[in-house]
Amino acid sequence: MTFPVFSSRQTEPSARGKEFGTHLRPRILANLSGYTDLFTAAGASGTQVRGWAERALERSAAWAPRLADEIAGIAAGAGLEPWQVAAVNARTEILAAVDATTGAIAGEGECSTSVVLPDSAPARTVQTWDWHDHLRDAPVLWELEPRPGHVVRTFTEAGALAKIGVNTAGLGVHFNILRHRSDTADVGVPVHLIARRILEEAATVEEAADIARSAEVSASTVITAVTASDAASIEISPAGVAVIPPRPDGVLLHCNHFLDPGLAPGERHASDRPGTYDRLRHLRANVAGLSREDLTARALSMLSHGPDYAPVCAHPDLTQPINQRWETVATIGLDVTAGRLRVHRGGPCRVAAETWQTF
């Protein structure tokens, strides 16, 4: 089973958004409905969500007006109001705002990323993308050309401008959510728009970091930028941006807690979701497999199930409410030299050579 693929033909942001919104209207509506349910389960009112989404759109328009135009275009194509599509793009910020307002936090789960830079070969990457199981049909693969000759391919959610992806300038990004004590309900630039601008504008890791530094955010995440011979995990929070380089042996691993010594004291997952530390230890113990050229071998090296071991491959506990249920929705590798992603629908426990979708 594969994810749907859409290739945009429009180059102007508003028209491209309308094309995307029109073509994927049922999926965008379903994704918005799923997020509405998630926000409600987390404790947010409809009035709060609209206010936060409108604030996110306002901040986006100030930081990246072309992307705000594209969000408005998606809304027009899907028959929605712009704030509704902004809510999908700002779902990380809205959940952080709920957390800051109520003290609630989602349950165990989330993503694990591995990048290895061999001495004489391009970067080898793999990540699991975990999210709430009722949103498992949200992802789409979207190809667009924001300027002539520069193609972006992204694994994202229907209605969201980007997430994990690559561009034809030779740069790709992985994506993991973080939580920091500085996260706030004063909604800032959505981190998903930062990923999109990096994919649109950056060809180097340093350029990616500069784009991240230019955004005033209200929620935390880590965007791991990768080229054939370089990589860094760019930890983003309202308290600041930190760049984590690979170890001297070329290994760069990240889960859902801060690694930068200046940001780590504000870590929210230390007590709330300690499984992130177990997952990172699991990755460190399996670096040999994560260094393999074969993507299937790398994915299988990530494999671990809870509760006795680090749950790198997550399966939902259906006895829990939707905001406490997690599933590994996809396993993804980047081929930055070819400008492509390879995507497996589901977790590493079901990966095989023939289950990869090449995009």
Protein backbone atom coordinates (compact mmCIF):
# COMPACT_ATOMS: atom_id res chain seq x y z
CA MET A 1 0.00 0.00 0.00
CA THR A 2 1.48 3.34 -1.05
CA PHE A 3 0.90 7.02 -0.33
CA PRO A 4 -0.82 9.21 -2.94
CA VAL A 5 1.45 11.31 -5.16
CA PHE A 6 0.65 14.76 -6.54
CA SER A 7 2.85 16.79 -8.88
CA SER A 8 2.06 20.50 -9.08
CA ARG A 9 2.15 22.20 -12.45
CA GLN A 10 1.47 25.72 -11.19
CA THR A 11 4.45 27.88 -10.24
CA GLU A 12 2.74 30.90 -8.64
CA PRO A 13 2.06 30.20 -4.94
CA SER A 14 -1.62 31.03 -4.79
CA ALA A 15 -2.38 29.11 -8.00
CA ARG A 16 -0.24 26.17 -6.86
CA GLY A 17 -2.08 26.09 -3.56
CA LYS A 18 -5.47 26.19 -5.26
CA GLU A 19 -4.41 23.36 -7.58
CA PHE A 20 -3.25 21.29 -4.61
CA GLY A 21 -6.37 22.07 -2.59
CA THR A 22 -8.69 21.22 -5.45
CA HIS A 23 -6.98 17.94 -6.30
CA LEU A 24 -6.67 16.75 -2.70
CA ARG A 25 -9.84 18.29 -1.25
CA PRO A 26 -11.25 15.06 0.30
CA ARG A 27 -7.94 14.27 2.00
CA ILE A 28 -7.50 17.82 3.26
CA LEU A 29 -11.02 17.84 4.69
CA ALA A 30 -10.42 14.48 6.35
CA ASN A 31 -7.10 15.69 7.78
CA LEU A 32 -8.70 18.87 9.14
CA SER A 33 -11.44 16.77 10.74
CA GLY A 34 -8.83 14.47 12.30
CA TYR A 35 -6.91 17.42 13.73
CA THR A 36 -10.09 19.01 15.02
CA ASP A 37 -10.75 15.78 16.92
CA LEU A 38 -7.14 15.73 18.20
CA PHE A 39 -7.24 19.34 19.39
CA THR A 40 -10.55 18.68 21.16
CA ALA A 41 -9.19 15.55 22.84
CA ALA A 42 -6.13 17.53 23.94
CA GLY A 43 -8.39 20.10 25.62
CA ALA A 44 -8.62 22.99 23.13
CA SER A 45 -11.88 24.76 22.30
CA GLY A 46 -12.86 25.64 18.76
CA THR A 47 -12.49 29.33 19.58
CA GLN A 48 -8.96 28.78 20.85
CA VAL A 49 -7.95 26.77 17.78
CA ARG A 50 -9.25 29.43 15.41
CA GLY A 51 -7.46 32.19 17.30
CA TRP A 52 -4.17 30.29 17.32
CA ALA A 53 -4.51 29.38 13.63
CA GLU A 54 -5.25 32.98 12.64
CA ARG A 55 -2.21 34.11 14.63
CA ALA A 56 -0.07 31.49 12.86
CA LEU A 57 -1.28 32.75 9.48
CA GLU A 58 -0.50 36.33 10.47
CA ARG A 59 3.02 35.42 11.58
CA SER A 60 3.53 33.33 8.44
CA ALA A 61 2.49 36.20 6.19
CA ALA A 62 5.05 38.47 7.86
CA TRP A 63 7.87 35.90 7.62
CA ALA A 64 7.10 34.23 4.29
CA PRO A 65 4.26 35.97 2.42
CA ARG A 66 4.47 33.59 -0.54
CA LEU A 67 3.81 30.64 1.73
CA ALA A 68 0.86 32.42 3.35
CA ASP A 69 -0.51 32.99 -0.16
CA GLU A 70 -0.12 29.29 -0.87
CA ILE A 71 -2.06 28.41 2.29
CA ALA A 72 -4.84 30.76 1.17
CA GLY A 73 -4.77 29.07 -2.25
CA ILE A 74 -5.11 25.62 -0.69
CA ALA A 75 -8.08 26.87 1.29
CA ALA A 76 -9.73 28.26 -1.84
CA GLY A 77 -9.24 24.98 -3.70
CA ALA A 78 -10.50 22.86 -0.82
CA GLY A 79 -13.48 25.08 -0.04
CA LEU A 80 -12.16 26.10 3.37
CA GLU A 81 -11.27 29.31 5.16
CA PRO A 82 -7.55 30.15 5.27
CA TRP A 83 -7.40 29.76 9.07
CA GLN A 84 -8.55 26.13 8.73
CA VAL A 85 -5.62 25.23 6.47
CA ALA A 86 -3.36 27.29 8.74
CA ALA A 87 -4.50 25.08 11.63
CA VAL A 88 -3.20 22.00 9.80
CA ASN A 89 0.13 23.71 9.09
CA ALA A 90 0.34 24.98 12.68
CA ARG A 91 -0.72 21.75 14.37
CA THR A 92 2.62 21.57 16.25
CA GLU A 93 2.13 25.13 17.49
CA ILE A 94 -1.50 24.51 18.49
CA LEU A 95 -0.59 21.40 20.45
CA ALA A 96 2.23 23.33 22.13
CA ALA A 97 -0.26 26.11 22.94
CA VAL A 98 -2.63 23.58 24.51
CA ASP A 99 0.30 22.22 26.51
CA ALA A 100 1.31 25.71 27.64
CA THR A 101 -2.28 26.55 28.55
CA THR A 102 -3.37 23.34 30.28
CA GLY A 103 -0.17 21.44 31.06
CA ALA A 104 -1.42 18.48 29.01
CA ILE A 105 1.03 16.56 26.87
CA ALA A 106 0.54 13.73 24.42
CA GLY A 107 1.57 10.17 25.24
CA GLU A 108 4.62 8.12 24.36
CA GLY A 109 5.69 7.88 20.75
CA GLU A 110 7.26 9.93 17.98
CA CYS A 111 10.12 9.86 15.52
CA SER A 112 13.69 8.57 15.39
CA THR A 113 16.25 9.77 12.83
CA SER A 114 19.62 8.38 11.76
CA VAL A 115 22.17 9.93 9.39
CA VAL A 116 25.55 8.38 8.65
CA LEU A 117 28.18 10.13 6.52
CA PRO A 118 30.55 7.49 5.11
CA ASP A 119 34.05 8.53 4.12
CA SER A 120 33.60 7.81 0.41
CA ALA A 121 29.85 7.61 -0.22
CA PRO A 122 26.83 9.93 0.02
CA ALA A 123 24.88 10.30 3.26
CA ARG A 124 22.83 7.30 4.38
CA THR A 125 19.64 8.22 6.21
CA VAL A 126 16.51 6.64 7.64
CA GLN A 127 13.78 7.80 9.97
CA THR A 128 10.54 6.56 11.43
CA TRP A 129 7.63 9.00 11.41
CA ASP A 130 5.22 8.30 14.25
CA TRP A 131 1.91 10.06 14.68
CA HIS A 132 -1.59 9.48 15.97
CA ASP A 133 -3.13 6.43 14.35
CA HIS A 134 -6.42 8.11 13.41
CA LEU A 135 -4.35 10.36 11.11
CA ARG A 136 -2.57 7.51 9.32
CA ASP A 137 -4.19 8.42 5.99
CA ALA A 138 -3.10 12.08 6.15
CA PRO A 139 0.30 11.76 4.39
CA VAL A 140 0.81 12.58 0.72
CA LEU A 141 3.88 12.87 -1.50
CA TRP A 142 4.01 16.27 -3.16
CA GLU A 143 6.32 17.43 -5.94
CA LEU A 144 6.54 21.13 -6.77
CA GLU A 145 8.85 23.52 -8.60
CA PRO A 146 8.98 26.81 -6.66
CA ARG A 147 11.40 28.29 -9.16
CA PRO A 148 12.60 27.10 -12.57
CA GLY A 149 14.89 24.08 -12.28
CA HIS A 150 14.51 23.74 -8.49
CA VAL A 151 12.25 20.81 -7.61
CA VAL A 152 11.05 19.98 -4.09
CA ARG A 153 9.69 16.55 -3.16
CA THR A 154 8.14 16.22 0.26
CA PHE A 155 6.40 13.66 2.40
CA THR A 156 3.81 15.80 4.14
CA GLU A 157 0.23 15.81 5.38
CA ALA A 158 -2.69 16.82 3.19
CA GLY A 159 -2.90 20.60 3.45
CA ALA A 160 0.55 21.09 5.04
CA LEU A 161 3.23 22.81 2.98
CA ALA A 162 6.08 20.41 3.81
CA LYS A 163 7.64 18.02 6.28
CA ILE A 164 10.33 15.46 5.39
CA GLY A 165 11.79 15.98 1.92
CA VAL A 166 14.53 16.62 -0.61
CA ASN A 167 15.31 19.19 -3.27
CA THR A 168 17.24 19.01 -6.51
CA ALA A 169 19.93 21.28 -5.06
CA GLY A 170 21.13 18.21 -3.17
CA LEU A 171 19.67 18.92 0.27
CA GLY A 172 17.12 16.98 2.29
CA VAL A 173 15.46 17.28 5.70
CA HIS A 174 14.29 14.88 8.38
CA PHE A 175 11.82 16.07 11.02
CA ASN A 176 11.25 15.26 14.72
CA ILE A 177 9.04 17.07 17.22
CA LEU A 178 10.52 18.41 20.47
CA ARG A 179 9.06 19.96 23.61
CA HIS A 180 10.71 22.78 25.57
CA ARG A 181 9.71 24.75 28.65
CA SER A 182 9.89 27.92 26.56
CA ASP A 183 7.09 26.70 24.25
CA THR A 184 4.24 29.17 24.44
CA ALA A 185 0.64 29.87 23.46
CA ASP A 186 1.77 33.07 21.72
CA VAL A 187 1.80 31.29 18.38
CA GLY A 188 4.71 32.00 16.06
CA VAL A 189 5.90 30.81 12.65
CA PRO A 190 4.88 27.15 12.10
CA VAL A 191 7.85 24.81 12.04
CA HIS A 192 6.39 23.05 8.98
CA LEU A 193 6.79 26.31 7.07
CA ILE A 194 10.43 26.47 8.16
CA ALA A 195 10.95 23.02 6.62
CA ARG A 196 9.29 24.22 3.41
CA ARG A 197 11.44 27.34 3.15
CA ILE A 198 14.57 25.26 3.73
CA LEU A 199 13.56 22.92 0.91
CA GLU A 200 12.75 25.89 -1.35
CA GLU A 201 15.83 27.99 -0.63
CA ALA A 202 18.70 26.02 0.88
CA ALA A 203 21.47 24.03 -0.78
CA THR A 204 23.76 23.75 2.25
CA VAL A 205 23.34 22.86 5.91
CA GLU A 206 24.44 26.35 6.95
CA GLU A 207 21.81 27.95 4.69
CA ALA A 208 19.20 25.71 6.29
CA ALA A 209 20.31 26.79 9.76
CA ASP A 210 20.17 30.47 8.78
CA ILE A 211 16.57 30.08 7.61
CA ALA A 212 15.65 28.42 10.90
CA ARG A 213 17.29 31.23 12.86
CA SER A 214 15.28 33.84 10.97
CA ALA A 215 11.90 32.59 12.25
CA GLU A 216 10.34 33.55 15.57
CA VAL A 217 8.73 30.35 16.81
CA SER A 218 6.45 29.30 19.65
CA ALA A 219 6.95 25.53 19.45
CA SER A 220 9.99 23.28 19.27
CA THR A 221 11.21 20.80 16.69
CA VAL A 222 14.43 19.49 15.19
CA ILE A 223 15.04 19.63 11.45
CA THR A 224 17.99 17.47 10.42
CA ALA A 225 19.44 18.94 7.23
CA VAL A 226 21.48 16.59 5.04
CA THR A 227 23.61 16.91 1.93
CA ALA A 228 25.75 14.23 0.34
CA SER A 229 28.70 15.05 2.60
CA ASP A 230 27.33 17.15 5.45
CA ALA A 231 24.55 17.07 8.03
CA ALA A 232 23.36 18.77 11.19
CA SER A 233 20.38 18.54 13.49
CA ILE A 234 18.93 22.05 13.78
CA GLU A 235 17.18 22.22 17.16
CA ILE A 236 14.55 24.95 17.11
CA SER A 237 12.78 26.41 20.15
CA PRO A 238 11.52 29.78 21.41
CA ALA A 239 14.63 29.80 23.61
CA GLY A 240 16.92 29.69 20.59
CA VAL A 241 18.30 27.60 17.73
CA ALA A 242 21.19 25.18 18.12
CA VAL A 243 23.07 23.23 15.47
CA ILE A 244 24.20 19.70 16.37
CA PRO A 245 26.94 18.36 14.08
CA PRO A 246 27.69 14.68 13.44
CA ARG A 247 30.10 12.85 15.70
CA PRO A 248 33.68 12.59 14.41
CA ASP A 249 32.79 9.20 12.91
CA GLY A 250 30.07 10.81 10.77
CA VAL A 251 27.11 9.54 12.81
CA LEU A 252 24.20 11.86 13.63
CA LEU A 253 21.24 10.47 15.60
CA HIS A 254 18.21 12.27 16.97
CA CYS A 255 14.96 11.37 18.70
CA ASN A 256 12.60 13.65 20.63
CA HIS A 257 14.77 15.42 23.18
CA PHE A 258 17.26 18.26 22.98
CA LEU A 259 20.95 17.41 22.66
CA ASP A 260 22.36 20.94 22.79
CA PRO A 261 23.74 21.59 26.31
CA GLY A 262 22.28 25.09 26.33
CA LEU A 263 18.74 23.99 25.41
CA ALA A 264 18.63 20.59 27.15
CA PRO A 265 17.98 22.03 30.65
CA GLY A 266 14.59 23.21 29.34
CA GLU A 267 13.71 19.77 28.01
CA ARG A 268 10.06 18.77 28.58
CA HIS A 269 10.40 15.07 27.71
CA ALA A 270 12.84 14.29 30.51
CA SER A 271 10.01 13.24 32.81
CA ASP A 272 6.96 13.33 30.54
CA ARG A 273 8.17 10.99 27.78
CA PRO A 274 11.44 9.33 28.82
CA GLY A 275 11.19 6.70 26.06
CA THR A 276 12.99 9.11 23.73
CA TYR A 277 16.22 8.44 25.65
CA ASP A 278 15.73 4.68 25.31
CA ARG A 279 15.24 5.06 21.57
CA LEU A 280 18.41 7.09 21.19
CA ARG A 281 20.37 4.46 23.13
CA HIS A 282 18.92 1.81 20.82
CA LEU A 283 20.07 3.72 17.74
CA ARG A 284 23.54 4.18 19.20
CA ALA A 285 23.77 0.45 19.84
CA ASN A 286 22.90 -0.29 16.22
CA VAL A 287 25.11 2.16 14.35
CA ALA A 288 26.74 -0.62 12.33
CA GLY A 289 23.40 -1.55 10.78
CA LEU A 290 22.40 2.08 10.34
CA SER A 291 25.60 2.58 8.34
CA ARG A 292 24.67 -0.05 5.75
CA GLU A 293 24.26 1.00 2.13
CA ASP A 294 21.01 -0.93 1.77
CA LEU A 295 18.02 1.07 3.04
CA THR A 296 16.09 -2.03 4.03
CA ALA A 297 18.98 -3.10 6.24
CA ARG A 298 19.09 0.36 7.81
CA ALA A 299 15.37 0.31 8.52
CA LEU A 300 15.55 -3.15 10.08
CA SER A 301 18.42 -1.94 12.27
CA MET A 302 16.00 0.59 13.77
CA LEU A 303 13.46 -2.07 14.65
CA SER A 304 12.52 -2.32 18.30
CA HIS A 305 9.16 -2.78 20.01
CA GLY A 306 7.96 -1.76 23.46
CA PRO A 307 7.27 -2.17 26.28
CA ASP A 308 10.43 -4.07 27.17
CA TYR A 309 12.62 -2.27 24.64
CA ALA A 310 12.74 1.19 23.10
CA PRO A 311 9.61 1.46 20.91
CA VAL A 312 11.22 2.69 17.71
CA CYS A 313 8.47 0.86 15.81
CA ALA A 314 5.23 2.01 17.46
CA HIS A 315 1.82 0.34 17.46
CA PRO A 316 -1.24 2.04 18.98
CA ASP A 317 -2.85 1.02 22.23
CA LEU A 318 -6.50 1.16 21.21
CA THR A 319 -7.63 1.37 24.83
CA GLN A 320 -6.21 4.92 25.00
CA PRO A 321 -7.86 8.16 23.77
CA ILE A 322 -6.74 9.37 20.35
CA ASN A 323 -4.28 11.92 21.72
CA GLN A 324 -2.48 9.13 23.60
CA ARG A 325 -2.26 6.63 20.71
CA TRP A 326 0.81 6.40 18.47
CA GLU A 327 1.68 4.47 15.32
CA THR A 328 4.73 4.40 13.08
CA VAL A 329 2.96 5.70 10.00
CA ALA A 330 5.99 5.68 7.71
CA THR A 331 9.67 4.74 7.45
CA ILE A 332 11.63 7.06 5.15
CA GLY A 333 15.11 7.31 3.63
CA LEU A 334 16.54 10.27 1.72
CA ASP A 335 18.67 9.97 -1.41
CA VAL A 336 19.93 13.54 -1.65
CA THR A 337 22.17 12.95 -4.65
CA ALA A 338 19.24 11.68 -6.73
CA GLY A 339 16.74 14.14 -5.24
CA ARG A 340 14.36 11.40 -4.17
CA LEU A 341 12.71 9.85 -1.14
CA ARG A 342 12.06 6.19 -0.51
CA VAL A 343 9.00 5.65 1.65
CA HIS A 344 7.57 2.55 3.33
CA ARG A 345 4.03 2.76 4.65
CA GLY A 346 4.24 1.57 8.24
CA GLY A 347 7.02 0.71 10.65
CA PRO A 348 10.31 -1.16 10.28
CA CYS A 349 8.73 -4.44 11.41
CA ARG A 350 7.06 -4.78 7.99
CA VAL A 351 9.83 -3.41 5.79
CA ALA A 352 11.02 -5.53 2.87
CA ALA A 353 12.87 -4.71 -0.32
CA GLU A 354 9.63 -4.65 -2.29
CA THR A 355 7.69 -2.39 0.12
CA TRP A 356 9.56 0.83 -0.71
CA GLN A 357 7.80 3.52 -2.71
CA THR A 358 10.33 5.60 -4.66
CA PHE A 359 9.44 9.27 -5.07
